[in-house]
């Protein structure tokens, strides 16, 4: 596996996202400037300038024309992917943590953090076909649970919203009425903050990673726990292969402890697990610090990782990888 090392961020990475075709990779970091890369060779294509806080998350429309980013500067911004122009800014009273386009790109779900007297919240906004007609009106606002909501994504057919975060409980909400439909069973669920959530290619199941040193696979409709993957360090990022039954977990100990640890002892590799058997099958080293972001290319032939060290690494698999019989 040959990694491509990309240095374009001054601060730790927070999120990575491929477009639907898998030819573009978007990276977010604490340095305020989302960056676009060519996914095949790691060439930097451009940056999106306008945020003045850490950028926590991004999503790209199905036609790769529009990007949305959520930032600690209390805004979510819509961008023209090709020109880098800002199309619209959604203003909030607290940091925007998570963004996710619905299937069809007509709606977007944005979560905001607890801040001052405000609780966490989930906002559903309509995305106008013509950006000059865009408004900031919310179709739905859900006042969230205690603590931060780290991820909120659309469930199957946009009928539900799945949220998870600091209180370690996964919730499914009705996306039209805002009613709480299901909560994960605390007995089988995560015990500490859920840091990350990644959907399968068909949206039928999703993977969560937590500071309790585990990742869990769930059914998107019933919230049934399917599998659990146990590792020896906090999990900051999760993703799964669209081709093979492989799950990838990334993490490491808290950033505050990194300076006191030899990087070889920090366990900063991306760990591969067999999705069905739940066994660890390999790892990819490279980052000098915890891994904060992981994403699989939709073609399944490469994946990328982003670390506390400010680097993005793209790993292309050798052809032998696809012949592995685990």
Protein backbone atom coordinates (compact mmCIF):
# COMPACT_ATOMS: atom_id res chain seq x y z
CA UNK A 1 0.00 0.00 0.00
CA UNK A 2 1.59 3.26 -1.08
CA UNK A 3 0.56 6.31 0.94
CA UNK A 4 0.42 9.81 -0.51
CA UNK A 5 1.27 12.42 2.10
CA UNK A 6 -0.50 15.77 1.77
CA UNK A 7 0.50 18.82 3.76
CA UNK A 8 -1.94 21.68 3.36
CA UNK A 9 -3.25 22.33 6.85
CA UNK A 10 -1.51 24.16 9.66
CA UNK A 11 -3.64 22.60 12.39
CA UNK A 12 -5.10 19.18 13.26
CA UNK A 13 -7.52 17.58 10.79
CA UNK A 14 -11.17 17.25 11.84
CA UNK A 15 -13.01 15.67 8.89
CA UNK A 16 -12.56 14.09 5.45
CA UNK A 17 -15.18 13.61 2.75
CA UNK A 18 -15.06 12.17 -0.79
CA UNK A 19 -17.51 13.24 -3.45
CA UNK A 20 -19.83 10.63 -4.94
CA UNK A 21 -17.53 9.90 -7.90
CA UNK A 22 -14.49 9.48 -5.65
CA UNK A 23 -12.26 11.79 -7.68
CA UNK A 24 -12.29 14.67 -5.17
CA UNK A 25 -11.41 14.71 -1.48
CA UNK A 26 -12.42 17.54 0.88
CA UNK A 27 -10.56 18.06 4.15
CA UNK A 28 -11.54 20.15 7.18
CA UNK A 29 -9.21 21.24 9.96
CA UNK A 30 -8.88 23.58 12.91
CA UNK A 31 -7.08 26.10 10.67
CA UNK A 32 -10.33 27.67 9.32
CA UNK A 33 -9.70 26.68 5.68
CA UNK A 34 -11.41 23.65 4.09
CA UNK A 35 -9.25 22.27 1.29
CA UNK A 36 -9.98 20.35 -1.91
CA UNK A 37 -7.63 17.64 -3.23
CA UNK A 38 -7.48 15.46 -6.29
CA UNK A 39 -8.12 12.05 -4.73
CA UNK A 40 -5.94 10.04 -7.09
CA UNK A 41 -2.58 11.77 -6.63
CA UNK A 42 -3.14 14.16 -3.71
CA UNK A 43 -2.73 17.34 -5.76
CA UNK A 44 -4.20 20.34 -3.99
CA UNK A 45 -6.89 21.95 -6.14
CA UNK A 46 -7.92 24.84 -3.93
CA UNK A 47 -9.15 26.18 -0.60
CA UNK A 48 -12.38 27.71 0.67
CA UNK A 49 -11.66 30.95 2.50
CA UNK A 50 -14.22 32.65 4.70
CA UNK A 51 -14.51 30.87 8.04
CA UNK A 52 -12.76 32.36 11.07
CA UNK A 53 -12.96 29.36 13.37
CA UNK A 54 -12.13 25.68 13.30
CA UNK A 55 -14.09 23.84 10.58
CA UNK A 56 -15.60 20.70 12.10
CA UNK A 57 -17.37 19.03 9.24
CA UNK A 58 -18.35 19.18 5.57
CA UNK A 59 -20.54 17.49 2.98
CA UNK A 60 -20.66 17.72 -0.80
CA UNK A 61 -23.74 17.54 -3.03
CA UNK A 62 -24.30 14.53 -5.25
CA UNK A 63 -23.41 16.48 -8.41
CA UNK A 64 -20.21 17.81 -6.74
CA UNK A 65 -21.33 21.39 -7.37
CA UNK A 66 -21.93 22.53 -3.80
CA UNK A 67 -20.07 22.10 -0.53
CA UNK A 68 -21.42 22.82 2.93
CA UNK A 69 -19.15 23.35 5.95
CA UNK A 70 -19.87 23.73 9.67
CA UNK A 71 -17.57 25.79 11.85
CA UNK A 72 -16.79 26.95 15.38
CA UNK A 73 -17.37 30.53 14.13
CA UNK A 74 -21.12 29.81 14.59
CA UNK A 75 -21.85 29.50 10.87
CA UNK A 76 -22.46 26.87 8.24
CA UNK A 77 -21.49 27.99 4.75
CA UNK A 78 -22.55 26.88 1.28
CA UNK A 79 -19.80 27.07 -1.37
CA UNK A 80 -19.44 26.67 -5.10
CA UNK A 81 -17.07 23.69 -5.32
CA UNK A 82 -15.42 24.80 -8.58
CA UNK A 83 -14.90 28.51 -7.94
CA UNK A 84 -14.58 28.50 -4.15
CA UNK A 85 -17.16 31.31 -3.97
CA UNK A 86 -19.36 31.55 -0.87
CA UNK A 87 -22.98 31.08 -1.90
CA UNK A 88 -24.70 31.49 1.46
CA UNK A 89 -24.02 31.64 5.20
CA UNK A 90 -26.32 30.13 7.82
CA UNK A 91 -25.76 32.02 11.09
CA UNK A 92 -26.30 30.40 14.48
CA UNK A 93 -25.84 31.38 18.12
CA UNK A 94 -23.40 28.55 18.79
CA UNK A 95 -20.76 26.52 16.89
CA UNK A 96 -21.99 24.38 13.97
CA UNK A 97 -20.63 20.89 14.56
CA UNK A 98 -22.07 18.53 11.93
CA UNK A 99 -23.57 18.90 8.43
CA UNK A 100 -25.19 16.33 6.14
CA UNK A 101 -27.04 16.70 2.81
CA UNK A 102 -30.19 14.64 2.38
CA UNK A 103 -30.54 12.24 -0.53
CA UNK A 104 -31.46 14.57 -3.39
CA UNK A 105 -29.64 17.53 -1.78
CA UNK A 106 -32.90 19.44 -1.16
CA UNK A 107 -32.36 19.52 2.62
CA UNK A 108 -29.43 19.72 4.98
CA UNK A 109 -29.21 18.78 8.65
CA UNK A 110 -26.92 20.95 10.80
CA UNK A 111 -26.18 20.42 14.50
CA UNK A 112 -25.16 23.20 16.85
CA UNK A 113 -23.26 22.84 20.12
CA UNK A 114 -24.43 23.74 23.63
CA UNK A 115 -23.15 27.28 24.21
CA UNK A 116 -23.68 29.70 27.07
CA UNK A 117 -27.33 29.11 28.03
CA UNK A 118 -28.24 27.27 24.82
CA UNK A 119 -28.68 23.49 24.56
CA UNK A 120 -27.47 21.47 21.60
CA UNK A 121 -29.84 21.51 18.63
CA UNK A 122 -30.51 19.85 15.28
CA UNK A 123 -31.60 22.18 12.47
CA UNK A 124 -33.09 21.10 9.13
CA UNK A 125 -32.71 23.71 6.38
CA UNK A 126 -34.10 23.68 2.86
CA UNK A 127 -31.49 24.10 0.12
CA UNK A 128 -32.74 26.28 -2.75
CA UNK A 129 -32.05 25.16 -6.33
CA UNK A 130 -30.94 28.71 -7.11
CA UNK A 131 -28.59 30.01 -4.40
CA UNK A 132 -29.88 33.59 -4.84
CA UNK A 133 -33.20 32.37 -3.39
CA UNK A 134 -31.60 30.67 -0.37
CA UNK A 135 -33.03 31.57 3.04
CA UNK A 136 -32.01 30.64 6.57
CA UNK A 137 -35.50 29.48 7.61
CA UNK A 138 -35.51 26.18 9.45
CA UNK A 139 -37.89 23.47 8.27
CA UNK A 140 -37.44 21.80 11.66
CA UNK A 141 -35.47 22.53 14.84
CA UNK A 142 -34.95 19.85 17.48
CA UNK A 143 -33.67 20.86 20.87
CA UNK A 144 -31.08 18.22 21.51
CA UNK A 145 -30.09 16.10 24.46
CA UNK A 146 -27.57 17.08 27.11
CA UNK A 147 -24.07 17.65 25.80
CA UNK A 148 -22.76 18.07 22.30
CA UNK A 149 -24.20 16.25 19.28
CA UNK A 150 -21.08 15.22 17.35
CA UNK A 151 -22.87 13.76 14.32
CA UNK A 152 -26.36 13.86 12.83
CA UNK A 153 -27.07 12.15 9.50
CA UNK A 154 -30.11 11.32 7.39
CA UNK A 155 -31.65 7.88 7.77
CA UNK A 156 -33.14 5.80 4.90
CA UNK A 157 -35.26 7.78 2.40
CA UNK A 158 -34.69 10.99 4.43
CA UNK A 159 -37.51 9.92 6.75
CA UNK A 160 -35.38 9.96 9.86
CA UNK A 161 -32.37 11.74 11.35
CA UNK A 162 -29.83 9.72 13.33
CA UNK A 163 -27.89 11.63 16.00
CA UNK A 164 -25.11 10.73 18.44
CA UNK A 165 -22.70 12.58 20.70
CA UNK A 166 -21.45 13.35 24.17
CA UNK A 167 -24.16 11.55 26.13
CA UNK A 168 -23.25 8.29 24.30
CA UNK A 169 -26.87 7.64 23.24
CA UNK A 170 -27.84 7.16 19.59
CA UNK A 171 -31.26 8.58 18.74
CA UNK A 172 -33.51 8.31 15.70
CA UNK A 173 -35.87 11.23 15.06
CA UNK A 174 -38.76 11.63 12.64
CA UNK A 175 -37.46 14.19 10.14
CA UNK A 176 -40.92 15.70 9.50
CA UNK A 177 -42.43 15.92 12.97
CA UNK A 178 -39.26 16.01 15.07
CA UNK A 179 -40.61 13.21 17.26
CA UNK A 180 -38.07 10.97 18.99
CA UNK A 181 -38.65 7.48 17.55
CA UNK A 182 -35.91 5.35 19.09
CA UNK A 183 -33.01 5.47 21.52
CA UNK A 184 -30.20 2.94 21.67
CA UNK A 185 -30.35 0.61 24.65
CA UNK A 186 -27.91 1.91 27.27
CA UNK A 187 -26.99 -1.68 28.22
CA UNK A 188 -25.62 -2.54 24.78
CA UNK A 189 -24.70 0.99 23.65
CA UNK A 190 -21.53 3.00 24.05
CA UNK A 191 -20.38 3.95 27.54
CA UNK A 192 -18.55 7.18 26.65
CA UNK A 193 -18.80 10.02 24.11
CA UNK A 194 -19.60 8.94 20.55
CA UNK A 195 -17.05 10.75 18.39
CA UNK A 196 -17.95 9.60 14.89
CA UNK A 197 -20.66 8.04 12.77
CA UNK A 198 -20.36 6.63 9.26
CA UNK A 199 -23.14 5.21 7.07
CA UNK A 200 -22.82 2.21 4.75
CA UNK A 201 -22.96 2.89 1.01
CA UNK A 202 -26.63 1.82 0.84
CA UNK A 203 -27.58 3.53 4.12
CA UNK A 204 -28.97 0.32 5.64
CA UNK A 205 -26.54 0.30 8.55
CA UNK A 206 -24.06 2.65 10.19
CA UNK A 207 -20.93 2.52 12.30
CA UNK A 208 -20.22 4.54 15.45
CA UNK A 209 -16.88 5.12 17.18
CA UNK A 210 -16.48 6.11 20.82
CA UNK A 211 -13.99 7.14 23.47
CA UNK A 212 -14.93 3.88 25.23
CA UNK A 213 -12.40 2.18 22.88
CA UNK A 214 -14.99 0.48 20.73
CA UNK A 215 -16.92 0.84 17.48
CA UNK A 216 -20.41 -0.55 16.93
CA UNK A 217 -22.42 -1.45 13.83
CA UNK A 218 -26.17 -0.64 13.94
CA UNK A 219 -29.23 -1.19 11.78
CA UNK A 220 -30.39 2.23 10.46
CA UNK A 221 -34.10 1.49 10.79
CA UNK A 222 -34.42 -0.58 13.95
CA UNK A 223 -31.31 0.60 15.85
CA UNK A 224 -30.48 -3.06 16.48
CA UNK A 225 -26.84 -3.60 17.46
CA UNK A 226 -25.24 -5.86 14.82
CA UNK A 227 -21.53 -6.01 15.72
CA UNK A 228 -19.01 -4.56 18.18
CA UNK A 229 -15.30 -3.97 17.46
CA UNK A 230 -13.04 -3.58 20.48
CA UNK A 231 -9.67 -1.86 20.33
CA UNK A 232 -7.13 -0.65 22.90
CA UNK A 233 -7.46 3.12 22.45
CA UNK A 234 -10.18 5.76 22.15
CA UNK A 235 -11.78 5.76 18.69
CA UNK A 236 -11.98 9.17 17.00
CA UNK A 237 -12.95 8.15 13.47
CA UNK A 238 -14.62 5.22 11.71
CA UNK A 239 -15.32 4.18 8.13
CA UNK A 240 -16.16 1.02 6.22
CA UNK A 241 -15.21 -0.36 2.84
CA UNK A 242 -17.89 -0.20 0.12
CA UNK A 243 -16.34 -3.28 -1.53
CA UNK A 244 -15.14 -5.67 1.16
CA UNK A 245 -16.34 -6.60 4.63
CA UNK A 246 -13.76 -4.35 6.25
CA UNK A 247 -14.20 -1.73 8.96
CA UNK A 248 -11.48 0.85 9.72
CA UNK A 249 -11.03 2.56 13.10
CA UNK A 250 -8.67 5.43 13.89
CA UNK A 251 -7.78 7.18 17.11
CA UNK A 252 -5.17 7.39 19.82
CA UNK A 253 -5.07 8.88 23.25
CA UNK A 254 -6.16 12.43 23.96
CA UNK A 255 -4.18 15.16 22.23
CA UNK A 256 -3.11 16.51 25.63
CA UNK A 257 -1.26 13.26 26.37
CA UNK A 258 0.47 13.04 23.00
CA UNK A 259 3.39 15.29 23.82
CA UNK A 260 4.36 13.02 26.68
CA UNK A 261 4.22 9.85 24.60
CA UNK A 262 6.74 8.43 22.18
CA UNK A 263 4.93 8.32 18.84
CA UNK A 264 5.72 4.62 18.45
CA UNK A 265 3.78 3.90 21.64
CA UNK A 266 0.84 6.11 20.73
CA UNK A 267 -0.94 3.47 18.63
CA UNK A 268 -1.72 5.99 15.93
CA UNK A 269 -2.41 3.53 13.12
CA UNK A 270 -5.67 2.93 11.30
CA UNK A 271 -6.91 -0.50 12.40
CA UNK A 272 -8.71 -2.84 10.01
CA UNK A 273 -11.35 -5.22 11.35
CA UNK A 274 -13.32 -7.97 9.67
CA UNK A 275 -16.86 -6.59 9.59
CA UNK A 276 -18.48 -9.99 10.17
CA UNK A 277 -16.00 -11.78 12.43
CA UNK A 278 -15.18 -8.63 14.45
CA UNK A 279 -11.47 -9.57 14.48
CA UNK A 280 -8.58 -7.20 13.85
CA UNK A 281 -6.96 -8.08 10.51
CA UNK A 282 -4.33 -5.40 10.03
CA UNK A 283 -3.22 -1.82 10.50
CA UNK A 284 -1.76 1.11 8.59
CA UNK A 285 0.77 3.31 10.39
CA UNK A 286 1.97 6.75 9.47
CA UNK A 287 0.54 9.56 11.57
CA UNK A 288 2.50 11.27 14.37
CA UNK A 289 -0.53 11.74 16.57
CA UNK A 290 -4.11 10.55 16.91
CA UNK A 291 -6.16 9.97 13.76
CA UNK A 292 -9.16 12.32 13.78
CA UNK A 293 -10.71 11.59 10.38
CA UNK A 294 -11.13 8.60 8.06
CA UNK A 295 -12.93 8.20 4.74
CA UNK A 296 -13.16 5.40 2.18
CA UNK A 297 -13.17 6.25 -1.50
CA UNK A 298 -16.55 5.20 -2.98
CA UNK A 299 -14.67 2.94 -5.42
CA UNK A 300 -13.24 1.02 -2.44
CA UNK A 301 -9.71 1.09 -3.84
CA UNK A 302 -8.26 3.68 -1.49
CA UNK A 303 -8.94 5.39 1.82
CA UNK A 304 -7.69 8.55 3.45
CA UNK A 305 -6.81 9.49 7.01
CA UNK A 306 -6.32 12.84 8.71
CA UNK A 307 -4.42 13.34 11.94
CA UNK A 308 -3.65 15.61 14.82
CA UNK A 309 -0.31 16.14 13.00
CA UNK A 310 -2.02 18.23 10.28
CA UNK A 311 -1.35 15.72 7.50
CA UNK A 312 -3.77 13.98 5.16
CA UNK A 313 -2.67 10.58 3.91
CA UNK A 314 -4.24 8.76 0.98
CA UNK A 315 -3.61 5.02 0.96
CA UNK A 316 -4.10 3.18 -2.34
CA UNK A 317 -4.52 -0.56 -1.91
CA UNK A 318 -2.36 -3.06 -3.76
CA UNK A 319 -4.31 -5.33 -6.13
CA UNK A 320 -3.49 -8.27 -3.79
CA UNK A 321 -5.61 -6.62 -1.10
CA UNK A 322 -8.77 -7.51 -3.02
CA UNK A 323 -7.82 -11.18 -3.20
CA UNK A 324 -7.41 -11.54 0.56
CA UNK A 325 -9.35 -14.45 1.92
CA UNK A 326 -9.76 -13.65 5.56
